[in-house]
Amino acid sequence: GKPLLTVMISKDLVQGRNLNAGALVREAAKLIKGGGGGAPHFATAGGKDAGGLEAAVKKVVELALN
């Protein structure tokens, strides 16, 4: 019953757009009352509030597109 987020970013986007999966997942994890981190191209987070999962996914997309 606990939510889990996984963010993967291709290495060309990590380098070309300066995206960081660890930074994205840390921000999104706040919305599921959790924490996480990882490498620039792959990161995970876990939390306690599955009700925030949809908002967390939207946050990752929003941050990645800006």
C-alpha atoms as a PDB file:
ATOM      1  CA  GLY A   1       0.000   0.000   0.000  1.00  0.00           C
ATOM      2  CA  LYS A   2       2.978   2.372  -0.033  1.00  0.00           C
ATOM      3  CA  PRO A   3       3.688   4.373  -3.201  1.00  0.00           C
ATOM      4  CA  LEU A   4       6.947   4.093  -5.124  1.00  0.00           C
ATOM      5  CA  LEU A   5       8.227   6.456  -7.814  1.00  0.00           C
ATOM      6  CA  THR A   6      10.888   5.623 -10.367  1.00  0.00           C
ATOM      7  CA  VAL A   7      12.299   8.239 -12.715  1.00  0.00           C
ATOM      8  CA  MET A   8      14.523   7.342 -15.647  1.00  0.00           C
ATOM      9  CA  ILE A   9      16.043   9.904 -18.004  1.00  0.00           C
ATOM     10  CA  SER A  10      18.126   9.091 -21.053  1.00  0.00           C
ATOM     11  CA  LYS A  11      21.758  10.054 -20.714  1.00  0.00           C
ATOM     12  CA  ASP A  12      21.522  12.410 -23.703  1.00  0.00           C
ATOM     13  CA  LEU A  13      18.800  14.414 -21.909  1.00  0.00           C
ATOM     14  CA  VAL A  14      20.823  14.426 -18.703  1.00  0.00           C
ATOM     15  CA  GLN A  15      23.704  15.978 -20.611  1.00  0.00           C
ATOM     16  CA  GLY A  16      21.843  18.027 -23.218  1.00  0.00           C
ATOM     17  CA  ARG A  17      19.049  19.460 -21.063  1.00  0.00           C
ATOM     18  CA  ASN A  18      20.824  19.197 -17.720  1.00  0.00           C
ATOM     19  CA  LEU A  19      17.994  17.080 -16.256  1.00  0.00           C
ATOM     20  CA  ASN A  20      18.559  15.151 -13.045  1.00  0.00           C
ATOM     21  CA  ALA A  21      16.304  12.245 -12.083  1.00  0.00           C
ATOM     22  CA  GLY A  22      17.411  12.466  -8.443  1.00  0.00           C
ATOM     23  CA  ALA A  23      16.350  16.101  -8.171  1.00  0.00           C
ATOM     24  CA  LEU A  24      13.022  15.410  -9.892  1.00  0.00           C
ATOM     25  CA  VAL A  25      12.162  12.441  -7.702  1.00  0.00           C
ATOM     26  CA  ARG A  26      13.097  14.291  -4.491  1.00  0.00           C
ATOM     27  CA  GLU A  27      10.629  17.074  -5.316  1.00  0.00           C
ATOM     28  CA  ALA A  28       7.871  14.662  -6.289  1.00  0.00           C
ATOM     29  CA  ALA A  29       8.424  12.509  -3.189  1.00  0.00           C
ATOM     30  CA  LYS A  30       7.248  15.370  -1.000  1.00  0.00           C
ATOM     31  CA  LEU A  31       3.768  14.892  -2.461  1.00  0.00           C
ATOM     32  CA  ILE A  32       3.632  11.272  -1.285  1.00  0.00           C
ATOM     33  CA  LYS A  33       5.094  12.122   2.119  1.00  0.00           C
ATOM     34  CA  GLY A  34       8.373  10.436   1.370  1.00  0.00           C
ATOM     35  CA  GLY A  35      11.889  10.858   0.143  1.00  0.00           C
ATOM     36  CA  GLY A  36      14.248   9.522  -2.431  1.00  0.00           C
ATOM     37  CA  GLY A  37      17.185  10.114  -4.694  1.00  0.00           C
ATOM     38  CA  GLY A  38      19.594   8.483  -7.037  1.00  0.00           C
ATOM     39  CA  ALA A  39      21.779   9.086 -10.042  1.00  0.00           C
ATOM     40  CA  PRO A  40      21.171  11.790 -12.645  1.00  0.00           C
ATOM     41  CA  HIS A  41      19.721   9.198 -15.059  1.00  0.00           C
ATOM     42  CA  PHE A  42      17.855   6.907 -12.587  1.00  0.00           C
ATOM     43  CA  ALA A  43      16.253   7.576  -9.203  1.00  0.00           C
ATOM     44  CA  THR A  44      13.570   6.168  -6.910  1.00  0.00           C
ATOM     45  CA  ALA A  45      11.441   7.391  -4.047  1.00  0.00           C
ATOM     46  CA  GLY A  46       9.046   5.843  -1.587  1.00  0.00           C
ATOM     47  CA  GLY A  47       6.370   7.394   0.541  1.00  0.00           C
ATOM     48  CA  LYS A  48       3.470   6.930   2.912  1.00  0.00           C
ATOM     49  CA  ASP A  49       0.597   8.637   1.036  1.00  0.00           C
ATOM     50  CA  ALA A  50      -0.590   6.818  -2.074  1.00  0.00           C
ATOM     51  CA  GLY A  51      -3.249   9.514  -2.485  1.00  0.00           C
ATOM     52  CA  GLY A  52      -0.549  11.928  -3.630  1.00  0.00           C
ATOM     53  CA  LEU A  53       0.817   9.642  -6.332  1.00  0.00           C
ATOM     54  CA  GLU A  54      -1.018  11.251  -9.252  1.00  0.00           C
ATOM     55  CA  ALA A  55       0.144  14.720  -8.170  1.00  0.00           C
ATOM     56  CA  ALA A  56       3.698  13.420  -7.791  1.00  0.00           C
ATOM     57  CA  VAL A  57       3.751  12.022 -11.327  1.00  0.00           C
ATOM     58  CA  LYS A  58       2.383  15.311 -12.666  1.00  0.00           C
ATOM     59  CA  LYS A  59       5.107  17.172 -10.751  1.00  0.00           C
ATOM     60  CA  VAL A  60       7.862  15.080 -12.358  1.00  0.00           C
ATOM     61  CA  VAL A  61       6.449  15.779 -15.821  1.00  0.00           C
ATOM     62  CA  GLU A  62       6.075  19.498 -15.063  1.00  0.00           C
ATOM     63  CA  LEU A  63       9.644  19.814 -13.802  1.00  0.00           C
ATOM     64  CA  ALA A  64      11.062  17.818 -16.707  1.00  0.00           C
ATOM     65  CA  LEU A  65       9.330  19.983 -19.306  1.00  0.00           C
ATOM     66  CA  ASN A  66      10.396  23.303 -17.806  1.00  0.00           C
END
